């Protein structure tokens, strides 16, 4: 007697899809990443990012320890690499801005829109 197959015929995405919560970083983390992405050296120390963030208008000043925590969390989430460099560590992005945007869009497509590109496009153009 033949056994019934339990395999599903779901199409697999081109790239592995991470859960939406893991793909999207928070607003402060994104501000930090924008500073790192725009850095001439391709990264920066906590002091560099702290100075850049507190040098922008429209936001209240943030403590050094807040920026340190955010950058360590980004390293824990494998978004940046933390490189020991004397007294201060250098943080470098593991993804370019374009790669991060693709990761977010892929997660949105698969997690929120269940792979329906037409719905994603309609939602994006209605904003």
PDB file of N, CA and C in Angstrom:
ATOM      1  N   UNK A   1       0.848  -1.155   0.000  1.00  0.00           N
ATOM      2  CA  UNK A   1       0.000   0.000   0.000  1.00  0.00           C
ATOM      3  C   UNK A   1       0.913   1.244   0.000  1.00  0.00           C
ATOM      4  N   UNK A   2       0.644   2.182  -0.891  1.00  0.00           N
ATOM      5  CA  UNK A   2       1.460   3.387  -1.028  1.00  0.00           C
ATOM      6  C   UNK A   2       1.020   4.421   0.003  1.00  0.00           C
ATOM      7  N   UNK A   3       1.998   5.120   0.554  1.00  0.00           N
ATOM      8  CA  UNK A   3       1.708   6.173   1.514  1.00  0.00           C
ATOM      9  C   UNK A   3       1.439   7.469   0.767  1.00  0.00           C
ATOM     10  N   UNK A   4       0.543   8.270   1.332  1.00  0.00           N
ATOM     11  CA  UNK A   4       0.245   9.574   0.732  1.00  0.00           C
ATOM     12  C   UNK A   4       1.410  10.521   1.003  1.00  0.00           C
ATOM     13  N   UNK A   5       1.698  11.339   0.030  1.00  0.00           N
ATOM     14  CA  UNK A   5       2.789  12.302   0.160  1.00  0.00           C
ATOM     15  C   UNK A   5       2.306  13.524   0.941  1.00  0.00           C
ATOM     16  N   UNK A   6       3.114  13.993   1.864  1.00  0.00           N
ATOM     17  CA  UNK A   6       2.784  15.170   2.654  1.00  0.00           C
ATOM     18  C   UNK A   6       3.480  16.423   2.136  1.00  0.00           C
ATOM     19  N   UNK A   7       4.061  16.353   0.959  1.00  0.00           N
ATOM     20  CA  UNK A   7       4.774  17.530   0.452  1.00  0.00           C
ATOM     21  C   UNK A   7       3.799  18.537  -0.108  1.00  0.00           C
ATOM     22  N   UNK A   8       4.116  19.794   0.115  1.00  0.00           N
ATOM     23  CA  UNK A   8       3.293  20.880  -0.398  1.00  0.00           C
ATOM     24  C   UNK A   8       3.957  21.428  -1.650  1.00  0.00           C
ATOM     25  N   UNK A   9       3.174  21.999  -2.515  1.00  0.00           N
ATOM     26  CA  UNK A   9       3.721  22.546  -3.748  1.00  0.00           C
ATOM     27  C   UNK A   9       3.841  24.067  -3.662  1.00  0.00           C
ATOM     28  N   UNK A  10       4.274  24.579  -2.512  1.00  0.00           N
ATOM     29  CA  UNK A  10       4.474  26.022  -2.356  1.00  0.00           C
ATOM     30  C   UNK A  10       5.745  26.423  -3.098  1.00  0.00           C
ATOM     31  N   UNK A  11       5.671  27.520  -3.851  1.00  0.00           N
ATOM     32  CA  UNK A  11       6.895  27.977  -4.508  1.00  0.00           C
ATOM     33  C   UNK A  11       7.863  28.523  -3.465  1.00  0.00           C
ATOM     34  N   UNK A  12       9.146  28.255  -3.645  1.00  0.00           N
ATOM     35  CA  UNK A  12      10.139  28.777  -2.722  1.00  0.00           C
ATOM     36  C   UNK A  12      10.678  30.085  -3.272  1.00  0.00           C
ATOM     37  N   UNK A  13      10.878  31.083  -2.415  1.00  0.00           N
ATOM     38  CA  UNK A  13      11.402  32.364  -2.884  1.00  0.00           C
ATOM     39  C   UNK A  13      12.844  32.215  -3.353  1.00  0.00           C
ATOM     40  N   UNK A  14      13.274  33.155  -4.163  1.00  0.00           N
ATOM     41  CA  UNK A  14      14.634  33.142  -4.683  1.00  0.00           C
ATOM     42  C   UNK A  14      15.643  33.259  -3.549  1.00  0.00           C
ATOM     43  N   UNK A  15      15.377  34.141  -2.598  1.00  0.00           N
ATOM     44  CA  UNK A  15      16.247  34.320  -1.445  1.00  0.00           C
ATOM     45  C   UNK A  15      15.544  33.772  -0.207  1.00  0.00           C
ATOM     46  N   UNK A  16      16.307  33.310   0.793  1.00  0.00           N
ATOM     47  CA  UNK A  16      15.646  32.900   2.029  1.00  0.00           C
ATOM     48  C   UNK A  16      14.945  34.104   2.650  1.00  0.00           C
ATOM     49  N   UNK A  17      13.730  33.915   3.067  1.00  0.00           N
ATOM     50  CA  UNK A  17      12.950  35.011   3.633  1.00  0.00           C
ATOM     51  C   UNK A  17      13.060  34.962   5.148  1.00  0.00           C
ATOM     52  N   UNK A  18      13.419  36.085   5.729  1.00  0.00           N
ATOM     53  CA  UNK A  18      13.461  36.189   7.176  1.00  0.00           C
ATOM     54  C   UNK A  18      12.123  36.714   7.632  1.00  0.00           C
ATOM     55  N   UNK A  19      11.809  36.485   8.892  1.00  0.00           N
ATOM     56  CA  UNK A  19      10.571  37.043   9.424  1.00  0.00           C
ATOM     57  C   UNK A  19      10.647  38.553   9.337  1.00  0.00           C
ATOM     58  N   UNK A  20       9.511  39.184   9.105  1.00  0.00           N
ATOM     59  CA  UNK A  20       9.438  40.627   8.925  1.00  0.00           C
ATOM     60  C   UNK A  20      10.075  41.372  10.096  1.00  0.00           C
ATOM     61  N   UNK A  21       9.843  40.918  11.299  1.00  0.00           N
ATOM     62  CA  UNK A  21      10.382  41.600  12.476  1.00  0.00           C
ATOM     63  C   UNK A  21      11.904  41.604  12.479  1.00  0.00           C
ATOM     64  N   UNK A  22      12.521  40.585  11.900  1.00  0.00           N
ATOM     65  CA  UNK A  22      13.978  40.507  11.876  1.00  0.00           C
ATOM     66  C   UNK A  22      14.565  41.284  10.713  1.00  0.00           C
ATOM     67  N   UNK A  23      13.803  41.494   9.672  1.00  0.00           N
ATOM     68  CA  UNK A  23      14.314  42.179   8.492  1.00  0.00           C
ATOM     69  C   UNK A  23      14.311  43.684   8.661  1.00  0.00           C
ATOM     70  N   UNK A  24      13.344  44.206   9.364  1.00  0.00           N
ATOM     71  CA  UNK A  24      13.195  45.654   9.478  1.00  0.00           C
ATOM     72  C   UNK A  24      13.792  46.133  10.792  1.00  0.00           C
ATOM     73  N   UNK A  25      14.680  47.097  10.679  1.00  0.00           N
ATOM     74  CA  UNK A  25      15.280  47.670  11.881  1.00  0.00           C
ATOM     75  C   UNK A  25      14.471  48.894  12.297  1.00  0.00           C
ATOM     76  N   UNK A  26      14.620  49.284  13.539  1.00  0.00           N
ATOM     77  CA  UNK A  26      13.855  50.403  14.079  1.00  0.00           C
ATOM     78  C   UNK A  26      14.341  51.753  13.567  1.00  0.00           C
ATOM     79  N   UNK A  27      13.570  52.808  13.857  1.00  0.00           N
ATOM     80  CA  UNK A  27      13.902  54.146  13.351  1.00  0.00           C
ATOM     81  C   UNK A  27      15.277  54.662  13.799  1.00  0.00           C
ATOM     82  N   UNK A  28      15.635  54.456  15.065  1.00  0.00           N
ATOM     83  CA  UNK A  28      16.943  54.919  15.532  1.00  0.00           C
ATOM     84  C   UNK A  28      18.057  54.071  14.911  1.00  0.00           C
ATOM     85  N   UNK A  29      17.822  52.777  14.797  1.00  0.00           N
ATOM     86  CA  UNK A  29      18.805  51.911  14.144  1.00  0.00           C
ATOM     87  C   UNK A  29      19.002  52.333  12.689  1.00  0.00           C
ATOM     88  N   UNK A  30      17.926  52.718  12.024  1.00  0.00           N
ATOM     89  CA  UNK A  30      18.028  53.165  10.642  1.00  0.00           C
ATOM     90  C   UNK A  30      18.806  54.477  10.546  1.00  0.00           C
ATOM     91  N   UNK A  31      18.604  55.384  11.497  1.00  0.00           N
ATOM     92  CA  UNK A  31      19.384  56.634  11.515  1.00  0.00           C
ATOM     93  C   UNK A  31      20.871  56.329  11.654  1.00  0.00           C
ATOM     94  N   UNK A  32      21.204  55.379  12.527  1.00  0.00           N
ATOM     95  CA  UNK A  32      22.597  54.981  12.710  1.00  0.00           C
ATOM     96  C   UNK A  32      23.139  54.377  11.416  1.00  0.00           C
ATOM     97  N   UNK A  33      22.367  53.504  10.806  1.00  0.00           N
ATOM     98  CA  UNK A  33      22.819  52.866   9.563  1.00  0.00           C
ATOM     99  C   UNK A  33      23.039  53.898   8.458  1.00  0.00           C
ATOM    100  N   UNK A  34      22.176  54.887   8.365  1.00  0.00           N
ATOM    101  CA  UNK A  34      22.361  55.929   7.336  1.00  0.00           C
ATOM    102  C   UNK A  34      23.679  56.673   7.539  1.00  0.00           C
ATOM    103  N   UNK A  35      24.042  56.898   8.786  1.00  0.00           N
ATOM    104  CA  UNK A  35      25.320  57.549   9.074  1.00  0.00           C
ATOM    105  C   UNK A  35      26.472  56.633   8.662  1.00  0.00           C
ATOM    106  N   UNK A  36      26.376  55.354   9.006  1.00  0.00           N
ATOM    107  CA  UNK A  36      27.438  54.409   8.633  1.00  0.00           C
ATOM    108  C   UNK A  36      27.530  54.258   7.118  1.00  0.00           C
ATOM    109  N   UNK A  37      26.385  54.174   6.435  1.00  0.00           N
ATOM    110  CA  UNK A  37      26.389  54.035   4.978  1.00  0.00           C
ATOM    111  C   UNK A  37      27.009  55.257   4.303  1.00  0.00           C
ATOM    112  N   UNK A  38      26.808  56.433   4.886  1.00  0.00           N
ATOM    113  CA  UNK A  38      27.319  57.657   4.261  1.00  0.00           C
ATOM    114  C   UNK A  38      28.759  57.968   4.655  1.00  0.00           C
ATOM    115  N   UNK A  39      29.332  57.191   5.538  1.00  0.00           N
ATOM    116  CA  UNK A  39      30.694  57.424   6.009  1.00  0.00           C
ATOM    117  C   UNK A  39      31.700  57.218   4.882  1.00  0.00           C
ATOM    118  N   UNK A  40      32.669  58.109   4.808  1.00  0.00           N
ATOM    119  CA  UNK A  40      33.724  58.008   3.801  1.00  0.00           C
ATOM    120  C   UNK A  40      34.543  56.741   4.028  1.00  0.00           C
ATOM    121  N   UNK A  41      34.710  56.356   5.284  1.00  0.00           N
ATOM    122  CA  UNK A  41      35.514  55.177   5.609  1.00  0.00           C
ATOM    123  C   UNK A  41      34.705  53.882   5.570  1.00  0.00           C
ATOM    124  N   UNK A  42      33.402  53.987   5.341  1.00  0.00           N
ATOM    125  CA  UNK A  42      32.565  52.788   5.285  1.00  0.00           C
ATOM    126  C   UNK A  42      32.182  52.260   6.651  1.00  0.00           C
ATOM    127  N   UNK A  43      32.284  53.080   7.662  1.00  0.00           N
ATOM    128  CA  UNK A  43      31.920  52.678   9.008  1.00  0.00           C
ATOM    129  C   UNK A  43      32.240  53.795   9.981  1.00  0.00           C
ATOM    130  N   UNK A  44      32.183  53.478  11.260  1.00  0.00           N
ATOM    131  CA  UNK A  44      32.489  54.507  12.247  1.00  0.00           C
ATOM    132  C   UNK A  44      32.457  53.966  13.652  1.00  0.00           C
ATOM    133  N   UNK A  45      32.947  54.778  14.562  1.00  0.00           N
ATOM    134  CA  UNK A  45      32.926  54.430  15.978  1.00  0.00           C
ATOM    135  C   UNK A  45      31.640  54.956  16.598  1.00  0.00           C
ATOM    136  N   UNK A  46      31.395  54.554  17.823  1.00  0.00           N
ATOM    137  CA  UNK A  46      30.234  55.062  18.547  1.00  0.00           C
ATOM    138  C   UNK A  46      30.347  56.580  18.680  1.00  0.00           C
ATOM    139  N   UNK A  47      31.549  57.071  18.952  1.00  0.00           N
ATOM    140  CA  UNK A  47      31.749  58.518  19.086  1.00  0.00           C
ATOM    141  C   UNK A  47      31.421  59.243  17.782  1.00  0.00           C
ATOM    142  N   UNK A  48      31.821  58.666  16.645  1.00  0.00           N
ATOM    143  CA  UNK A  48      31.519  59.271  15.337  1.00  0.00           C
ATOM    144  C   UNK A  48      30.012  59.378  15.126  1.00  0.00           C
ATOM    145  N   UNK A  49      29.325  58.281  15.366  1.00  0.00           N
ATOM    146  CA  UNK A  49      27.875  58.234  15.150  1.00  0.00           C
ATOM    147  C   UNK A  49      27.164  59.140  16.149  1.00  0.00           C
ATOM    148  N   UNK A  50      27.610  59.125  17.400  1.00  0.00           N
ATOM    149  CA  UNK A  50      27.021  59.977  18.439  1.00  0.00           C
ATOM    150  C   UNK A  50      27.112  61.444  18.034  1.00  0.00           C
ATOM    151  N   UNK A  51      28.281  61.870  17.567  1.00  0.00           N
ATOM    152  CA  UNK A  51      28.474  63.261  17.142  1.00  0.00           C
ATOM    153  C   UNK A  51      27.588  63.593  15.941  1.00  0.00           C
ATOM    154  N   UNK A  52      27.502  62.671  14.986  1.00  0.00           N
ATOM    155  CA  UNK A  52      26.689  62.914  13.787  1.00  0.00           C
ATOM    156  C   UNK A  52      25.204  62.987  14.130  1.00  0.00           C
ATOM    157  N   UNK A  53      24.738  62.085  14.970  1.00  0.00           N
ATOM    158  CA  UNK A  53      23.311  62.078  15.328  1.00  0.00           C
ATOM    159  C   UNK A  53      22.955  63.335  16.120  1.00  0.00           C
ATOM    160  N   UNK A  54      23.789  63.709  17.057  1.00  0.00           N
ATOM    161  CA  UNK A  54      23.496  64.891  17.865  1.00  0.00           C
ATOM    162  C   UNK A  54      23.763  66.187  17.107  1.00  0.00           C
ATOM    163  N   UNK A  55      24.402  66.085  15.951  1.00  0.00           N
ATOM    164  CA  UNK A  55      24.634  67.260  15.121  1.00  0.00           C
ATOM    165  C   UNK A  55      23.498  67.566  14.167  1.00  0.00           C
ATOM    166  N   UNK A  56      22.473  66.721  14.143  1.00  0.00           N
ATOM    167  CA  UNK A  56      21.327  66.957  13.262  1.00  0.00           C
ATOM    168  C   UNK A  56      20.219  67.645  14.045  1.00  0.00           C
ATOM    169  N   UNK A  57      19.492  68.477  13.350  1.00  0.00           N
ATOM    170  CA  UNK A  57      18.384  69.182  14.017  1.00  0.00           C
ATOM    171  C   UNK A  57      17.102  68.367  13.906  1.00  0.00           C
ATOM    172  N   UNK A  58      16.150  68.716  14.725  1.00  0.00           N
ATOM    173  CA  UNK A  58      14.850  68.060  14.680  1.00  0.00           C
ATOM    174  C   UNK A  58      14.703  66.867  15.600  1.00  0.00           C
ATOM    175  N   UNK A  59      15.793  66.490  16.274  1.00  0.00           N
ATOM    176  CA  UNK A  59      15.743  65.361  17.199  1.00  0.00           C
ATOM    177  C   UNK A  59      16.391  65.781  18.511  1.00  0.00           C
ATOM    178  N   UNK A  60      15.879  65.275  19.629  1.00  0.00           N
ATOM    179  CA  UNK A  60      16.530  65.585  20.905  1.00  0.00           C
ATOM    180  C   UNK A  60      17.900  64.900  20.970  1.00  0.00           C
ATOM    181  N   UNK A  61      18.838  65.480  21.728  1.00  0.00           N
ATOM    182  CA  UNK A  61      20.154  64.851  21.845  1.00  0.00           C
ATOM    183  C   UNK A  61      20.051  63.493  22.527  1.00  0.00           C
ATOM    184  N   UNK A  62      20.904  62.585  22.090  1.00  0.00           N
ATOM    185  CA  UNK A  62      20.911  61.226  22.637  1.00  0.00           C
ATOM    186  C   UNK A  62      22.210  60.984  23.395  1.00  0.00           C
ATOM    187  N   UNK A  63      22.125  60.171  24.433  1.00  0.00           N
ATOM    188  CA  UNK A  63      23.298  59.836  25.242  1.00  0.00           C
ATOM    189  C   UNK A  63      24.224  58.902  24.461  1.00  0.00           C
ATOM    190  N   UNK A  64      25.494  58.998  24.764  1.00  0.00           N
ATOM    191  CA  UNK A  64      26.503  58.122  24.170  1.00  0.00           C
ATOM    192  C   UNK A  64      26.140  56.658  24.391  1.00  0.00           C
ATOM    193  N   UNK A  65      25.686  56.344  25.601  1.00  0.00           N
ATOM    194  CA  UNK A  65      25.346  54.944  25.919  1.00  0.00           C
ATOM    195  C   UNK A  65      24.152  54.449  25.102  1.00  0.00           C
ATOM    196  N   UNK A  66      23.256  55.353  24.725  1.00  0.00           N
ATOM    197  CA  UNK A  66      22.129  54.962  23.879  1.00  0.00           C
ATOM    198  C   UNK A  66      22.636  54.528  22.513  1.00  0.00           C
ATOM    199  N   UNK A  67      23.547  55.320  21.937  1.00  0.00           N
ATOM    200  CA  UNK A  67      24.110  54.995  20.626  1.00  0.00           C
ATOM    201  C   UNK A  67      24.916  53.703  20.718  1.00  0.00           C
ATOM    202  N   UNK A  68      25.673  53.540  21.799  1.00  0.00           N
ATOM    203  CA  UNK A  68      26.445  52.310  22.010  1.00  0.00           C
ATOM    204  C   UNK A  68      25.519  51.098  22.023  1.00  0.00           C
ATOM    205  N   UNK A  69      24.422  51.182  22.741  1.00  0.00           N
ATOM    206  CA  UNK A  69      23.460  50.071  22.807  1.00  0.00           C
ATOM    207  C   UNK A  69      22.865  49.777  21.439  1.00  0.00           C
ATOM    208  N   UNK A  70      22.489  50.821  20.709  1.00  0.00           N
ATOM    209  CA  UNK A  70      21.910  50.638  19.375  1.00  0.00           C
ATOM    210  C   UNK A  70      22.914  49.940  18.457  1.00  0.00           C
ATOM    211  N   UNK A  71      24.160  50.373  18.488  1.00  0.00           N
ATOM    212  CA  UNK A  71      25.167  49.795  17.604  1.00  0.00           C
ATOM    213  C   UNK A  71      25.514  48.359  17.997  1.00  0.00           C
ATOM    214  N   UNK A  72      25.530  48.080  19.273  1.00  0.00           N
ATOM    215  CA  UNK A  72      25.752  46.687  19.710  1.00  0.00           C
ATOM    216  C   UNK A  72      24.580  45.792  19.296  1.00  0.00           C
ATOM    217  N   UNK A  73      23.362  46.339  19.378  1.00  0.00           N
ATOM    218  CA  UNK A  73      22.196  45.566  18.934  1.00  0.00           C
ATOM    219  C   UNK A  73      22.251  45.301  17.429  1.00  0.00           C
ATOM    220  N   UNK A  74      22.701  46.271  16.662  1.00  0.00           N
ATOM    221  CA  UNK A  74      22.854  46.062  15.219  1.00  0.00           C
ATOM    222  C   UNK A  74      23.895  44.975  14.945  1.00  0.00           C
ATOM    223  N   UNK A  75      24.959  44.947  15.736  1.00  0.00           N
ATOM    224  CA  UNK A  75      25.973  43.895  15.587  1.00  0.00           C
ATOM    225  C   UNK A  75      25.394  42.536  15.967  1.00  0.00           C
ATOM    226  N   UNK A  76      24.606  42.512  17.038  1.00  0.00           N
ATOM    227  CA  UNK A  76      23.974  41.253  17.470  1.00  0.00           C
ATOM    228  C   UNK A  76      23.016  40.733  16.409  1.00  0.00           C
ATOM    229  N   UNK A  77      22.348  41.649  15.710  1.00  0.00           N
ATOM    230  CA  UNK A  77      21.398  41.271  14.662  1.00  0.00           C
ATOM    231  C   UNK A  77      22.089  41.014  13.326  1.00  0.00           C
ATOM    232  N   UNK A  78      23.417  41.085  13.326  1.00  0.00           N
ATOM    233  CA  UNK A  78      24.246  40.811  12.149  1.00  0.00           C
ATOM    234  C   UNK A  78      24.027  41.805  11.014  1.00  0.00           C
ATOM    235  N   UNK A  79      23.726  43.051  11.371  1.00  0.00           N
ATOM    236  CA  UNK A  79      23.559  44.104  10.379  1.00  0.00           C
ATOM    237  C   UNK A  79      24.875  44.862  10.212  1.00  0.00           C
ATOM    238  N   UNK A  80      25.669  44.927  11.280  1.00  0.00           N
ATOM    239  CA  UNK A  80      26.993  45.542  11.223  1.00  0.00           C
ATOM    240  C   UNK A  80      28.017  44.574  11.805  1.00  0.00           C
ATOM    241  N   UNK A  81      29.264  44.815  11.448  1.00  0.00           N
ATOM    242  CA  UNK A  81      30.384  44.080  12.025  1.00  0.00           C
ATOM    243  C   UNK A  81      31.068  44.994  13.021  1.00  0.00           C
ATOM    244  N   UNK A  82      31.380  44.454  14.186  1.00  0.00           N
ATOM    245  CA  UNK A  82      32.077  45.219  15.220  1.00  0.00           C
ATOM    246  C   UNK A  82      33.540  44.792  15.200  1.00  0.00           C
ATOM    247  N   UNK A  83      34.419  45.742  14.877  1.00  0.00           N
ATOM    248  CA  UNK A  83      35.845  45.447  14.733  1.00  0.00           C
ATOM    249  C   UNK A  83      36.609  46.140  15.853  1.00  0.00           C
ATOM    250  N   UNK A  84      37.292  45.361  16.716  1.00  0.00           N
ATOM    251  CA  UNK A  84      38.084  45.984  17.777  1.00  0.00           C
ATOM    252  C   UNK A  84      39.171  46.867  17.171  1.00  0.00           C
ATOM    253  N   UNK A  85      39.314  48.058  17.724  1.00  0.00           N
ATOM    254  CA  UNK A  85      40.327  48.983  17.221  1.00  0.00           C
ATOM    255  C   UNK A  85      40.860  49.859  18.325  1.00  0.00           C
ATOM    256  N   UNK A  86      41.682  49.309  19.175  1.00  0.00           N
ATOM    257  CA  UNK A  86      42.203  50.090  20.298  1.00  0.00           C
ATOM    258  C   UNK A  86      41.122  50.278  21.351  1.00  0.00           C
ATOM    259  N   UNK A  87      40.957  51.514  21.789  1.00  0.00           N
ATOM    260  CA  UNK A  87      39.967  51.795  22.826  1.00  0.00           C
ATOM    261  C   UNK A  87      38.550  51.844  22.276  1.00  0.00           C
ATOM    262  N   UNK A  88      38.427  52.148  20.990  1.00  0.00           N
ATOM    263  CA  UNK A  88      37.099  52.229  20.385  1.00  0.00           C
ATOM    264  C   UNK A  88      36.966  51.198  19.278  1.00  0.00           C
ATOM    265  N   UNK A  89      35.809  50.600  19.225  1.00  0.00           N
ATOM    266  CA  UNK A  89      35.528  49.641  18.169  1.00  0.00           C
ATOM    267  C   UNK A  89      34.972  50.385  16.958  1.00  0.00           C
ATOM    268  N   UNK A  90      35.239  49.840  15.787  1.00  0.00           N
ATOM    269  CA  UNK A  90      34.697  50.389  14.547  1.00  0.00           C
ATOM    270  C   UNK A  90      33.565  49.477  14.119  1.00  0.00           C
ATOM    271  N   UNK A  91      32.456  50.079  13.732  1.00  0.00           N
ATOM    272  CA  UNK A  91      31.289  49.342  13.258  1.00  0.00           C
ATOM    273  C   UNK A  91      31.152  49.583  11.765  1.00  0.00           C
ATOM    274  N   UNK A  92      31.063  48.491  11.000  1.00  0.00           N
ATOM    275  CA  UNK A  92      30.926  48.603   9.544  1.00  0.00           C
ATOM    276  C   UNK A  92      29.670  47.858   9.103  1.00  0.00           C
ATOM    277  N   UNK A  93      28.907  48.447   8.197  1.00  0.00           N
ATOM    278  CA  UNK A  93      27.697  47.780   7.706  1.00  0.00           C
ATOM    279  C   UNK A  93      28.038  46.484   6.976  1.00  0.00           C
ATOM    280  N   UNK A  94      27.241  45.454   7.199  1.00  0.00           N
ATOM    281  CA  UNK A  94      27.383  44.200   6.458  1.00  0.00           C
ATOM    282  C   UNK A  94      26.585  44.239   5.160  1.00  0.00           C
ATOM    283  N   UNK A  95      25.641  45.156   5.093  1.00  0.00           N
ATOM    284  CA  UNK A  95      24.794  45.308   3.919  1.00  0.00           C
ATOM    285  C   UNK A  95      24.913  46.724   3.386  1.00  0.00           C
ATOM    286  N   UNK A  96      24.821  46.875   2.083  1.00  0.00           N
ATOM    287  CA  UNK A  96      24.694  48.220   1.532  1.00  0.00           C
ATOM    288  C   UNK A  96      23.257  48.676   1.757  1.00  0.00           C
ATOM    289  N   UNK A  97      23.016  49.952   1.562  1.00  0.00           N
ATOM    290  CA  UNK A  97      21.649  50.467   1.693  1.00  0.00           C
ATOM    291  C   UNK A  97      20.727  49.758   0.708  1.00  0.00           C
ATOM    292  N   UNK A  98      21.202  49.537  -0.514  1.00  0.00           N
ATOM    293  CA  UNK A  98      20.386  48.854  -1.529  1.00  0.00           C
ATOM    294  C   UNK A  98      20.079  47.414  -1.129  1.00  0.00           C
ATOM    295  N   UNK A  99      21.046  46.729  -0.545  1.00  0.00           N
ATOM    296  CA  UNK A  99      20.811  45.350  -0.091  1.00  0.00           C
ATOM    297  C   UNK A  99      19.802  45.319   1.039  1.00  0.00           C
ATOM    298  N   UNK A 100      19.885  46.287   1.949  1.00  0.00           N
ATOM    299  CA  UNK A 100      18.915  46.350   3.046  1.00  0.00           C
ATOM    300  C   UNK A 100      17.517  46.624   2.506  1.00  0.00           C
ATOM    301  N   UNK A 101      17.402  47.567   1.575  1.00  0.00           N
ATOM    302  CA  UNK A 101      16.098  47.871   0.969  1.00  0.00           C
ATOM    303  C   UNK A 101      15.507  46.625   0.316  1.00  0.00           C
ATOM    304  N   UNK A 102      16.332  45.856  -0.390  1.00  0.00           N
ATOM    305  CA  UNK A 102      15.855  44.627  -1.035  1.00  0.00           C
ATOM    306  C   UNK A 102      15.390  43.618   0.010  1.00  0.00           C
ATOM    307  N   UNK A 103      16.128  43.503   1.090  1.00  0.00           N
ATOM    308  CA  UNK A 103      15.762  42.564   2.161  1.00  0.00           C
ATOM    309  C   UNK A 103      14.416  42.938   2.766  1.00  0.00           C
ATOM    310  N   UNK A 104      14.215  44.235   3.003  1.00  0.00           N
ATOM    311  CA  UNK A 104      12.942  44.695   3.568  1.00  0.00           C
ATOM    312  C   UNK A 104      11.806  44.446   2.580  1.00  0.00           C
ATOM    313  N   UNK A 105      12.020  44.792   1.325  1.00  0.00           N
ATOM    314  CA  UNK A 105      10.967  44.612   0.316  1.00  0.00           C
ATOM    315  C   UNK A 105      10.637  43.126   0.127  1.00  0.00           C
ATOM    316  N   UNK A 106      11.657  42.269   0.146  1.00  0.00           N
ATOM    317  CA  UNK A 106      11.419  40.826   0.018  1.00  0.00           C
ATOM    318  C   UNK A 106      10.599  40.316   1.197  1.00  0.00           C
ATOM    319  N   UNK A 107      10.934  40.782   2.394  1.00  0.00           N
ATOM    320  CA  UNK A 107      10.181  40.372   3.575  1.00  0.00           C
ATOM    321  C   UNK A 107       8.753  40.882   3.522  1.00  0.00           C
ATOM    322  N   UNK A 108       8.580  42.142   3.127  1.00  0.00           N
ATOM    323  CA  UNK A 108       7.226  42.682   2.987  1.00  0.00           C
ATOM    324  C   UNK A 108       6.418  41.870   1.980  1.00  0.00           C
ATOM    325  N   UNK A 109       7.029  41.599   0.850  1.00  0.00           N
ATOM    326  CA  UNK A 109       6.335  40.844  -0.192  1.00  0.00           C
ATOM    327  C   UNK A 109       5.860  39.497   0.329  1.00  0.00           C
ATOM    328  N   UNK A 110       6.745  38.760   0.976  1.00  0.00           N
ATOM    329  CA  UNK A 110       6.401  37.396   1.382  1.00  0.00           C
ATOM    330  C   UNK A 110       5.626  37.319   2.694  1.00  0.00           C
ATOM    331  N   UNK A 111       5.950  38.168   3.645  1.00  0.00           N
ATOM    332  CA  UNK A 111       5.312  38.080   4.959  1.00  0.00           C
ATOM    333  C   UNK A 111       3.995  38.845   5.038  1.00  0.00           C
ATOM    334  N   UNK A 112       3.952  40.039   4.469  1.00  0.00           N
ATOM    335  CA  UNK A 112       2.750  40.862   4.576  1.00  0.00           C
ATOM    336  C   UNK A 112       1.802  40.652   3.399  1.00  0.00           C
ATOM    337  N   UNK A 113       2.364  40.553   2.185  1.00  0.00           N
ATOM    338  CA  UNK A 113       1.532  40.440   0.988  1.00  0.00           C
ATOM    339  C   UNK A 113       1.468  39.007   0.450  1.00  0.00           C
ATOM    340  N   UNK A 114       2.006  38.050   1.198  1.00  0.00           N
ATOM    341  CA  UNK A 114       1.941  36.625   0.870  1.00  0.00           C
ATOM    342  C   UNK A 114       2.376  36.329  -0.565  1.00  0.00           C
ATOM    343  N   UNK A 115       3.408  37.056  -1.016  1.00  0.00           N
ATOM    344  CA  UNK A 115       3.975  36.814  -2.332  1.00  0.00           C
ATOM    345  C   UNK A 115       3.248  37.486  -3.485  1.00  0.00           C
ATOM    346  N   UNK A 116       2.203  38.247  -3.195  1.00  0.00           N
ATOM    347  CA  UNK A 116       1.399  38.890  -4.246  1.00  0.00           C
ATOM    348  C   UNK A 116       2.028  40.239  -4.622  1.00  0.00           C
ATOM    349  N   UNK A 117       2.813  40.250  -5.712  1.00  0.00           N
ATOM    350  CA  UNK A 117       3.515  41.457  -6.144  1.00  0.00           C
ATOM    351  C   UNK A 117       2.543  42.557  -6.572  1.00  0.00           C
ATOM    352  N   UNK A 118       1.413  42.177  -7.142  1.00  0.00           N
ATOM    353  CA  UNK A 118       0.432  43.178  -7.583  1.00  0.00           C
ATOM    354  C   UNK A 118      -0.119  43.952  -6.377  1.00  0.00           C
ATOM    355  N   UNK A 119      -0.403  43.249  -5.272  1.00  0.00           N
ATOM    356  CA  UNK A 119      -0.885  43.920  -4.069  1.00  0.00           C
ATOM    357  C   UNK A 119       0.179  44.820  -3.470  1.00  0.00           C
ATOM    358  N   UNK A 120       1.423  44.362  -3.470  1.00  0.00           N
ATOM    359  CA  UNK A 120       2.523  45.171  -2.963  1.00  0.00           C
ATOM    360  C   UNK A 120       2.668  46.445  -3.801  1.00  0.00           C
ATOM    361  N   UNK A 121       2.637  46.301  -5.105  1.00  0.00           N
ATOM    362  CA  UNK A 121       2.749  47.450  -5.999  1.00  0.00           C
ATOM    363  C   UNK A 121       1.593  48.413  -5.798  1.00  0.00           C
ATOM    364  N   UNK A 122       0.394  47.873  -5.688  1.00  0.00           N
ATOM    365  CA  UNK A 122      -0.787  48.732  -5.475  1.00  0.00           C
ATOM    366  C   UNK A 122      -0.668  49.493  -4.155  1.00  0.00           C
ATOM    367  N   UNK A 123      -0.220  48.828  -3.125  1.00  0.00           N
ATOM    368  CA  UNK A 123      -0.051  49.474  -1.820  1.00  0.00           C
ATOM    369  C   UNK A 123       1.012  50.561  -1.896  1.00  0.00           C
ATOM    370  N   UNK A 124       2.100  50.281  -2.585  1.00  0.00           N
ATOM    371  CA  UNK A 124       3.203  51.242  -2.684  1.00  0.00           C
ATOM    372  C   UNK A 124       2.805  52.474  -3.501  1.00  0.00           C
ATOM    373  N   UNK A 125       2.018  52.281  -4.532  1.00  0.00           N
ATOM    374  CA  UNK A 125       1.639  53.414  -5.379  1.00  0.00           C
ATOM    375  C   UNK A 125       0.477  54.203  -4.803  1.00  0.00           C
ATOM    376  N   UNK A 126      -0.184  53.687  -3.795  1.00  0.00           N
ATOM    377  CA  UNK A 126      -1.314  54.416  -3.197  1.00  0.00           C
ATOM    378  C   UNK A 126      -0.904  55.333  -2.059  1.00  0.00           C
ATOM    379  N   UNK A 127       0.368  55.329  -1.744  1.00  0.00           N
ATOM    380  CA  UNK A 127       0.873  56.152  -0.622  1.00  0.00           C
ATOM    381  C   UNK A 127       1.059  57.577  -1.074  1.00  0.00           C
TER     382      UNK A 127
END
